[in-house]
Amino acid sequence: MICLLLAASAMSCSDSEPGAAASPDISKSPTTEVESPPNLAETSTTVQLQDGALCDGSDLDLSSAQFAFVGTVTRVQPGPTRSVRWVTFAVEGWYTNDWGAHIKIYMPGFDVAPGDRLAVAGDATQASIYGVTGPSGIAEACVAVDSPPGDQLVAWEAQFGDLIEPGRDIPVGEPDPQALAAIDAAEQAWQAAEPRSYSYLLSRWDRAGTPCYYSTQRVIVIDDELADVSPLSDKAFPCSISDLGDPLADAFNRARQLAGAEYFSVDSDLQNGLIFTFSASDRTADASASIRGFSESTDPTIIGWDAVSDATAAARRRWAQTPTTRTNRIQTGVGEGDSHDLRTVETDGVVAEVTDRGEPVDPADLQQPWAPYTVEGVFDLIDYYADQGQVAAVFDEDTGVPLALHFDPIINGIDDELTVNVQVDWEG
């Protein structure tokens, strides 16, 4: 049984950016992390808080809890009970997603002390709240737990199931044989291709920690050795290349570890540039990897509008010298919006045929400049986005073809990024 003491959904927030969250640093003093306290009388929509409210198990309602765990209090921020109070726990087990072995929870109004063994539930926060970053939450309910527990946790287990140990990072369920077969097939297809010099785009997120992976990076391999890693932003790569290890082997191996997750998907299509992708999620693990945009190009990645603008001008001059009878393949994708896989046949510079995923299409129906079907149109797209947000580009150093582009016109915006990949065939 639980006491609902604070309904703070208006105060909770979430951050969907992958890879940003980490276990809170409990070594920092909470008094140095806290900003101005909220007005609890204004934010509470249920029972008025009373000084010294106990975790006595009254008014049980766990149906809307976004986090729940059992743990022992290790530190309580000094101050009156009704003030901003952060309580640090050593976690024994999680009913919801595993946030690690230590957690800091916002608990104004609760009368708790170091050594208390409690079950706690409430609203999750994935972004900074009052100076505390990483996974955290606002307590709505708690109950004291005996050791060993009596019947205090019956309702919790009925709502959530069994506790899971913190830091497990591997699903409880057995790996799905079909998922394992798909992973093996993708790895075998890659090994059979036997590329030695190539590039690809890498995105990876893992709740267990990915210190050398964030956002999207272009990886260049020359003669089977990692040669360059460039985030498609203006940020520097946070590790040395040697720290990156083998991203492909890591992705295949991690996918196998997580193939027993409650939600698991895997895909590969090397012919269309997708080397491997997987996504896994359940209470113990949350991870994904996308290795796409495979190309035999090892041309350098150019970052930032000043450098890209200069490179575009030079690439246009090289492109103007190439033969005008050719077939272009231009793939575009934007956030959650439309994507295209356009093939355009040009004869002496005149467009003769355009298809999208094999189906004939009228170029007039393609919204410009966001769905370019010629290389000239890709250059126009670069002009359109000039000086907006962030950009990364790869140009063929011989022909000037804009092989790969990544636009992020609104930094920290949602679903505004546009990617473009270009291939040109002059042999028919």
Protein backbone atom coordinates (compact mmCIF):
# COMPACT_ATOMS: atom_id res chain seq x y z
CA MET A 1 0.00 0.00 0.00
CA ILE A 2 1.25 3.48 -0.95
CA CYS A 3 0.67 7.14 -0.10
CA LEU A 4 0.34 9.44 -3.10
CA LEU A 5 1.89 12.68 -1.95
CA LEU A 6 2.86 14.64 -5.02
CA ALA A 7 1.44 14.79 -8.52
CA ALA A 8 4.22 16.53 -10.41
CA SER A 9 3.56 15.55 -13.98
CA ALA A 10 3.67 19.20 -14.94
CA MET A 11 7.22 19.32 -13.67
CA SER A 12 8.51 16.23 -15.40
CA CYS A 13 10.20 16.36 -18.71
CA SER A 14 11.80 14.01 -21.19
CA ASP A 15 14.72 14.13 -23.58
CA SER A 16 14.66 11.64 -26.50
CA GLU A 17 18.15 12.35 -27.72
CA PRO A 18 19.87 9.02 -27.72
CA GLY A 19 23.00 8.49 -25.63
CA ALA A 20 22.62 11.60 -23.47
CA ALA A 21 21.49 9.97 -20.23
CA ALA A 22 23.84 8.45 -17.68
CA SER A 23 23.63 7.32 -14.07
CA PRO A 24 23.62 10.36 -11.78
CA ASP A 25 26.89 11.27 -10.07
CA ILE A 26 26.07 10.77 -6.40
CA SER A 27 29.48 12.07 -5.36
CA LYS A 28 28.36 15.67 -5.93
CA SER A 29 26.71 17.55 -3.13
CA PRO A 30 23.04 18.12 -3.94
CA THR A 31 23.22 21.55 -2.35
CA THR A 32 25.48 22.68 -5.18
CA GLU A 33 23.20 21.21 -7.87
CA VAL A 34 19.83 22.64 -6.84
CA GLU A 35 18.25 25.73 -8.33
CA SER A 36 15.32 27.68 -6.94
CA PRO A 37 12.73 25.31 -5.42
CA PRO A 38 9.29 24.99 -6.99
CA ASN A 39 6.15 26.24 -5.31
CA LEU A 40 4.82 22.91 -4.10
CA ALA A 41 1.43 24.34 -3.20
CA GLU A 42 0.96 25.34 -6.85
CA THR A 43 2.31 22.14 -8.43
CA SER A 44 0.48 19.60 -6.27
CA THR A 45 -2.84 18.47 -7.65
CA THR A 46 -3.63 15.86 -4.99
CA VAL A 47 -3.19 15.81 -1.23
CA GLN A 48 -1.64 18.91 0.36
CA LEU A 49 1.87 18.02 1.54
CA GLN A 50 2.36 17.74 5.26
CA ASP A 51 5.70 18.01 7.04
CA GLY A 52 7.09 14.60 7.86
CA ALA A 53 4.77 12.53 5.63
CA LEU A 54 5.61 8.86 6.04
CA CYS A 55 6.04 6.09 3.48
CA ASP A 56 3.20 4.23 5.13
CA GLY A 57 1.58 2.54 2.13
CA SER A 58 -1.80 4.32 2.06
CA ASP A 59 -3.85 5.20 -1.04
CA LEU A 60 -2.04 2.77 -3.34
CA ASP A 61 -2.08 3.66 -7.07
CA LEU A 62 0.82 2.53 -9.20
CA SER A 63 -0.97 2.49 -12.54
CA SER A 64 0.69 5.65 -13.88
CA ALA A 65 4.17 5.19 -12.37
CA GLN A 66 6.98 5.72 -14.86
CA PHE A 67 9.70 4.41 -12.57
CA ALA A 68 9.67 2.03 -9.61
CA PHE A 69 12.43 0.38 -7.61
CA VAL A 70 13.44 -1.00 -4.22
CA GLY A 71 16.51 0.52 -2.60
CA THR A 72 18.19 1.81 0.54
CA VAL A 73 18.59 5.51 1.27
CA THR A 74 22.26 6.49 1.35
CA ARG A 75 21.91 10.28 1.56
CA VAL A 76 19.21 12.88 2.15
CA GLN A 77 19.82 16.46 1.16
CA PRO A 78 19.86 18.58 4.32
CA GLY A 79 16.95 20.95 4.85
CA PRO A 80 13.29 21.09 5.90
CA THR A 81 11.11 18.23 4.72
CA ARG A 82 9.04 20.51 2.50
CA SER A 83 12.08 22.05 0.80
CA VAL A 84 13.86 20.87 -2.34
CA ARG A 85 15.12 17.47 -1.19
CA TRP A 86 17.12 15.02 -3.24
CA VAL A 87 17.39 11.52 -1.84
CA THR A 88 20.10 9.15 -3.07
CA PHE A 89 19.49 5.40 -3.13
CA ALA A 90 21.56 2.27 -3.52
CA VAL A 91 19.20 0.29 -5.75
CA GLU A 92 18.44 -3.33 -4.94
CA GLY A 93 16.23 -3.94 -7.96
CA TRP A 94 14.05 -2.25 -10.57
CA TYR A 95 10.42 -2.87 -11.37
CA THR A 96 10.68 -0.62 -14.41
CA ASN A 97 13.60 0.15 -16.73
CA ASP A 98 17.02 -0.39 -15.23
CA TRP A 99 18.62 2.97 -14.44
CA GLY A 100 21.63 1.54 -12.65
CA ALA A 101 22.78 0.73 -9.13
CA HIS A 102 22.44 4.28 -7.77
CA ILE A 103 19.74 6.87 -8.35
CA LYS A 104 18.88 10.34 -7.05
CA ILE A 105 15.15 11.04 -6.65
CA TYR A 106 13.37 14.31 -5.91
CA MET A 107 11.31 13.65 -2.73
CA PRO A 108 9.94 16.82 -1.07
CA GLY A 109 7.51 16.07 1.74
CA PHE A 110 8.72 12.56 2.51
CA ASP A 111 10.23 11.87 5.92
CA VAL A 112 13.09 9.52 5.06
CA ALA A 113 16.55 8.93 6.49
CA PRO A 114 19.74 7.12 5.52
CA GLY A 115 19.35 3.40 6.03
CA ASP A 116 15.63 3.32 5.18
CA ARG A 117 14.75 0.46 2.82
CA LEU A 118 11.96 1.65 0.54
CA ALA A 119 9.99 0.91 -2.58
CA VAL A 120 9.63 4.17 -4.53
CA ALA A 121 7.62 5.07 -7.64
CA GLY A 122 6.78 8.24 -9.55
CA ASP A 123 7.22 10.34 -12.69
CA ALA A 124 10.41 9.88 -14.71
CA THR A 125 12.61 12.75 -15.84
CA GLN A 126 15.22 12.23 -18.54
CA ALA A 127 16.45 15.83 -18.74
CA SER A 128 18.02 18.16 -16.22
CA ILE A 129 15.67 19.08 -13.38
CA TYR A 130 16.86 21.59 -10.77
CA GLY A 131 20.45 20.94 -11.80
CA VAL A 132 20.41 17.13 -11.59
CA THR A 133 21.07 15.46 -14.94
CA GLY A 134 20.60 11.92 -16.18
CA PRO A 135 17.83 9.45 -15.32
CA SER A 136 15.91 10.63 -12.30
CA GLY A 137 12.36 11.16 -11.16
CA ILE A 138 9.88 12.84 -8.86
CA ALA A 139 8.57 10.54 -6.14
CA GLU A 140 4.81 10.13 -5.96
CA ALA A 141 4.63 7.04 -3.77
CA CYS A 142 6.75 5.00 -1.41
CA VAL A 143 6.44 2.23 1.13
CA ALA A 144 8.82 0.94 3.78
CA VAL A 145 10.08 -2.57 3.04
CA ASP A 146 11.07 -5.11 5.66
CA SER A 147 14.16 -7.24 5.22
CA PRO A 148 13.28 -9.82 4.10
CA PRO A 149 10.13 -8.23 2.66
CA GLY A 150 6.75 -9.24 3.98
CA ASP A 151 3.58 -8.49 2.04
CA GLN A 152 4.46 -4.85 1.34
CA LEU A 153 5.45 -5.56 -2.26
CA VAL A 154 2.49 -7.72 -3.32
CA ALA A 155 0.77 -4.82 -5.09
CA TRP A 156 4.05 -3.75 -6.72
CA GLU A 157 4.71 -7.20 -8.12
CA ALA A 158 1.11 -7.41 -9.34
CA GLN A 159 1.60 -4.13 -11.21
CA PHE A 160 5.14 -4.55 -12.55
CA GLY A 161 6.27 -8.16 -12.21
CA ASP A 162 9.46 -9.30 -10.52
CA LEU A 163 12.38 -7.07 -9.65
CA ILE A 164 15.38 -7.09 -11.98
CA GLU A 165 18.88 -6.55 -10.68
CA PRO A 166 20.51 -3.24 -11.64
CA GLY A 167 23.26 -3.18 -14.25
CA ARG A 168 22.28 -6.45 -15.90
CA ASP A 169 22.20 -4.99 -19.47
CA ILE A 170 21.23 -8.40 -20.92
CA PRO A 171 17.59 -9.45 -21.43
CA VAL A 172 16.16 -12.09 -19.14
CA GLY A 173 14.52 -13.90 -22.07
CA GLU A 174 16.23 -16.45 -24.30
CA PRO A 175 17.51 -15.16 -27.69
CA ASP A 176 15.03 -15.49 -30.54
CA PRO A 177 16.41 -18.11 -33.02
CA GLN A 178 15.00 -16.20 -36.00
CA ALA A 179 16.68 -13.01 -34.82
CA LEU A 180 19.99 -14.82 -34.39
CA ALA A 181 19.68 -16.27 -37.90
CA ALA A 182 19.05 -12.79 -39.34
CA ILE A 183 22.10 -11.41 -37.53
CA ASP A 184 24.25 -14.26 -38.83
CA ALA A 185 22.98 -13.73 -42.39
CA ALA A 186 23.80 -10.01 -42.27
CA GLU A 187 27.31 -10.65 -40.96
CA GLN A 188 27.96 -13.35 -43.55
CA ALA A 189 26.77 -11.07 -46.37
CA TRP A 190 29.16 -8.38 -45.17
CA GLN A 191 32.09 -10.77 -44.91
CA ALA A 192 31.35 -12.16 -48.38
CA ALA A 193 31.53 -8.66 -49.88
CA GLU A 194 35.17 -8.43 -48.69
CA PRO A 195 35.52 -4.64 -48.96
CA ARG A 196 38.90 -3.25 -47.90
CA SER A 197 38.51 0.49 -48.43
CA TYR A 198 35.10 2.04 -47.89
CA SER A 199 32.98 4.36 -45.76
CA TYR A 200 29.67 4.21 -43.93
CA LEU A 201 27.45 6.15 -41.53
CA LEU A 202 27.31 4.92 -37.95
CA SER A 203 24.69 5.74 -35.34
CA ARG A 204 24.57 3.89 -32.05
CA TRP A 205 22.85 4.20 -28.68
CA ASP A 206 23.11 1.90 -25.68
CA ARG A 207 21.75 2.52 -22.21
CA ALA A 208 24.69 0.47 -20.94
CA GLY A 209 26.99 3.24 -22.15
CA THR A 210 28.51 4.27 -25.49
CA PRO A 211 31.31 6.74 -24.73
CA CYS A 212 32.62 6.79 -28.32
CA TYR A 213 29.27 6.82 -30.10
CA TYR A 214 26.87 9.70 -30.33
CA SER A 215 24.66 11.20 -33.00
CA THR A 216 25.77 10.10 -36.51
CA GLN A 217 29.38 9.64 -37.57
CA ARG A 218 30.97 8.93 -40.95
CA VAL A 219 33.57 6.21 -40.66
CA ILE A 220 36.30 5.77 -43.29
CA VAL A 221 38.22 2.51 -43.59
CA ILE A 222 41.32 2.25 -45.80
CA ASP A 223 43.02 -1.11 -46.34
CA ASP A 224 40.99 -2.67 -43.51
CA GLU A 225 42.12 -0.02 -41.01
CA LEU A 226 40.00 2.76 -39.48
CA ALA A 227 41.32 5.95 -41.05
CA ASP A 228 38.86 8.65 -39.98
CA VAL A 229 35.76 9.17 -37.86
CA SER A 230 33.83 12.41 -38.36
CA PRO A 231 30.65 13.33 -36.47
CA LEU A 232 28.16 14.94 -38.85
CA SER A 233 28.13 18.09 -36.77
CA ASP A 234 30.56 20.75 -35.66
CA LYS A 235 31.57 18.69 -32.62
CA ALA A 236 34.90 16.90 -32.45
CA PHE A 237 35.03 13.12 -32.10
CA PRO A 238 35.35 12.53 -28.32
CA CYS A 239 37.75 9.56 -28.54
CA SER A 240 40.80 8.45 -30.40
CA ILE A 241 40.24 6.18 -33.41
CA SER A 242 41.88 3.31 -31.56
CA ASP A 243 39.22 3.61 -28.82
CA LEU A 244 36.48 2.94 -31.36
CA GLY A 245 37.49 -0.68 -31.83
CA ASP A 246 35.59 -2.48 -34.59
CA PRO A 247 32.13 -0.87 -34.81
CA LEU A 248 30.77 -3.56 -37.14
CA ALA A 249 31.86 -6.49 -34.99
CA ASP A 250 30.62 -4.66 -31.89
CA ALA A 251 27.19 -4.14 -33.45
CA PHE A 252 26.80 -7.77 -34.54
CA ASN A 253 27.91 -9.04 -31.12
CA ARG A 254 25.70 -6.65 -29.15
CA ALA A 255 22.71 -7.58 -31.29
CA ARG A 256 23.25 -11.24 -30.43
CA GLN A 257 23.39 -10.39 -26.72
CA LEU A 258 20.07 -8.53 -26.97
CA ALA A 259 18.17 -10.90 -29.27
CA GLY A 260 16.06 -12.03 -26.31
CA ALA A 261 14.70 -8.54 -25.63
CA GLU A 262 10.95 -8.07 -25.44
CA TYR A 263 11.11 -5.78 -28.48
CA PHE A 264 13.78 -6.65 -31.03
CA SER A 265 14.17 -5.90 -34.72
CA VAL A 266 17.00 -6.43 -37.19
CA ASP A 267 17.54 -5.63 -40.85
CA SER A 268 20.21 -5.51 -43.55
CA ASP A 269 20.25 -4.69 -47.27
CA LEU A 270 23.83 -4.35 -48.43
CA GLN A 271 22.79 -3.88 -52.06
CA ASN A 272 21.10 -0.64 -51.02
CA GLY A 273 23.85 0.47 -48.66
CA LEU A 274 22.37 -0.83 -45.39
CA ILE A 275 25.06 -2.96 -43.76
CA PHE A 276 23.20 -3.68 -40.55
CA THR A 277 20.67 -2.21 -38.14
CA PHE A 278 19.06 -3.47 -34.96
CA SER A 279 16.93 -2.16 -32.13
CA ALA A 280 16.31 -3.81 -28.76
CA SER A 281 14.27 -2.67 -25.79
CA ASP A 282 12.97 -4.07 -22.53
CA ARG A 283 13.40 -3.37 -18.82
CA THR A 284 17.01 -4.55 -18.74
CA ALA A 285 18.36 -3.12 -21.98
CA ASP A 286 17.77 -0.36 -24.49
CA ALA A 287 20.11 -0.26 -27.47
CA SER A 288 20.21 0.29 -31.20
CA ALA A 289 22.74 0.56 -34.00
CA SER A 290 22.46 1.71 -37.59
CA ILE A 291 25.32 1.12 -40.03
CA ARG A 292 24.18 2.46 -43.38
CA GLY A 293 25.26 4.55 -46.34
CA PHE A 294 27.90 2.03 -47.39
CA SER A 295 30.11 3.43 -50.14
CA GLU A 296 33.42 2.57 -51.73
CA SER A 297 34.30 6.25 -51.47
CA THR A 298 37.01 7.22 -49.02
CA ASP A 299 36.92 10.90 -49.92
CA PRO A 300 37.21 13.15 -46.86
CA THR A 301 34.27 14.40 -44.81
CA ILE A 302 33.91 18.18 -44.92
CA ILE A 303 32.26 19.81 -41.89
CA GLY A 304 30.80 23.32 -41.53
CA TRP A 305 29.33 25.80 -43.97
CA ASP A 306 32.51 27.77 -44.71
CA ALA A 307 34.39 24.66 -45.81
CA VAL A 308 31.38 23.09 -47.55
CA SER A 309 30.62 26.26 -49.54
CA ASP A 310 34.19 26.42 -50.83
CA ALA A 311 34.17 22.70 -51.65
CA THR A 312 30.81 23.02 -53.43
CA ALA A 313 32.12 25.71 -55.76
CA ALA A 314 35.13 23.57 -56.69
CA ALA A 315 32.96 20.44 -57.07
CA ARG A 316 30.61 22.26 -59.45
CA ARG A 317 33.54 23.09 -61.71
CA ARG A 318 34.66 19.46 -61.78
CA TRP A 319 31.10 18.24 -62.39
CA ALA A 320 30.73 20.55 -65.40
CA GLN A 321 33.53 18.64 -67.14
CA THR A 322 31.92 15.18 -66.82
CA PRO A 323 30.01 13.37 -69.63
CA THR A 324 26.34 14.36 -69.86
CA THR A 325 24.95 10.91 -70.66
CA ARG A 326 24.59 9.12 -67.33
CA THR A 327 22.33 7.48 -64.78
CA ASN A 328 21.97 9.13 -61.38
CA ARG A 329 20.76 7.48 -58.21
CA ILE A 330 19.80 10.03 -55.55
CA GLN A 331 18.47 8.86 -52.18
CA THR A 332 16.99 11.41 -49.78
CA GLY A 333 15.50 11.07 -46.33
CA VAL A 334 14.23 13.65 -43.85
CA GLY A 335 13.37 12.91 -40.21
CA GLU A 336 9.96 11.26 -40.06
CA GLY A 337 9.01 12.74 -43.45
CA ASP A 338 9.18 11.62 -47.07
CA SER A 339 12.11 9.68 -48.44
CA HIS A 340 12.98 8.94 -52.07
CA ASP A 341 15.18 6.56 -54.04
CA LEU A 342 15.30 8.26 -57.42
CA ARG A 343 16.98 6.97 -60.58
CA THR A 344 17.31 9.45 -63.40
CA VAL A 345 18.51 8.63 -66.90
CA GLU A 346 20.07 11.60 -68.73
CA THR A 347 20.99 11.59 -72.42
CA ASP A 348 23.22 14.47 -73.54
CA GLY A 349 22.14 16.37 -70.44
CA VAL A 350 18.41 15.89 -71.07
CA VAL A 351 16.32 13.96 -68.55
CA ALA A 352 14.83 10.94 -70.32
CA GLU A 353 13.38 8.92 -67.41
CA VAL A 354 12.84 9.21 -63.65
CA THR A 355 11.76 6.42 -61.33
CA ASP A 356 11.23 6.33 -57.56
CA ARG A 357 11.85 2.88 -56.08
CA GLY A 358 11.39 1.43 -59.54
CA GLU A 359 8.10 3.18 -60.30
CA PRO A 360 7.92 5.87 -63.04
CA VAL A 361 7.44 9.35 -61.64
CA ASP A 362 6.79 12.79 -63.15
CA PRO A 363 9.61 15.13 -62.08
CA ALA A 364 7.01 17.89 -61.72
CA ASP A 365 5.51 15.94 -58.81
CA LEU A 366 8.79 15.94 -56.87
CA GLN A 367 8.91 18.79 -54.38
CA GLN A 368 11.97 20.91 -54.98
CA PRO A 369 14.60 21.46 -53.78
CA TRP A 370 14.08 18.68 -51.17
CA ALA A 371 13.74 15.80 -53.67
CA PRO A 372 16.46 16.45 -56.26
CA TYR A 373 16.56 14.04 -59.20
CA THR A 374 19.68 15.42 -60.91
CA VAL A 375 23.10 16.28 -59.55
CA GLU A 376 22.46 19.90 -60.48
CA GLY A 377 19.43 19.69 -58.22
CA VAL A 378 21.61 18.44 -55.38
CA PHE A 379 23.87 21.46 -55.79
CA ASP A 380 20.76 23.66 -55.70
CA LEU A 381 19.76 21.98 -52.43
CA ILE A 382 23.14 22.90 -50.96
CA ASP A 383 22.54 26.51 -52.00
CA TYR A 384 19.09 26.45 -50.41
CA TYR A 385 20.41 25.35 -47.02
CA ALA A 386 23.54 27.52 -47.11
CA ASP A 387 24.50 28.86 -43.66
CA GLN A 388 21.54 27.18 -41.94
CA GLY A 389 22.55 25.15 -38.89
CA GLN A 390 25.11 22.42 -39.45
CA VAL A 391 26.24 20.58 -42.56
CA ALA A 392 28.57 17.74 -43.52
CA ALA A 393 29.44 16.81 -47.09
CA VAL A 394 31.50 14.38 -49.14
CA PHE A 395 32.49 15.22 -52.73
CA ASP A 396 34.15 12.94 -55.26
CA GLU A 397 37.61 14.41 -55.67
CA ASP A 398 37.70 13.54 -59.39
CA THR A 399 34.16 14.17 -60.69
CA GLY A 400 32.78 16.60 -58.08
CA VAL A 401 29.73 14.42 -57.42
CA PRO A 402 28.22 15.32 -53.99
CA LEU A 403 28.34 11.73 -52.75
CA ALA A 404 26.86 12.34 -49.30
CA LEU A 405 25.24 15.27 -47.55
CA HIS A 406 23.83 15.72 -44.06
CA PHE A 407 21.89 18.90 -43.29
CA ASP A 408 20.74 19.88 -39.80
CA PRO A 409 19.21 23.31 -40.39
CA ILE A 410 17.72 23.70 -36.90
CA ILE A 411 20.25 22.58 -34.29
CA ASN A 412 18.49 20.55 -31.59
CA GLY A 413 15.33 20.62 -33.70
CA ILE A 414 13.24 17.50 -34.21
CA ASP A 415 12.96 15.63 -37.53
CA ASP A 416 14.47 18.46 -39.60
CA GLU A 417 17.66 16.64 -40.63
CA LEU A 418 17.99 15.77 -44.32
CA THR A 419 20.41 13.21 -45.72
CA VAL A 420 21.30 12.78 -49.38
CA ASN A 421 23.35 10.02 -51.03
CA VAL A 422 24.33 10.17 -54.70
CA GLN A 423 25.73 7.65 -57.17
CA VAL A 424 26.43 8.37 -60.84
CA ASP A 425 27.00 5.73 -63.52
CA TRP A 426 28.44 6.81 -66.87
CA GLU A 427 28.48 3.29 -68.29
CA GLY A 428 24.73 2.98 -68.77
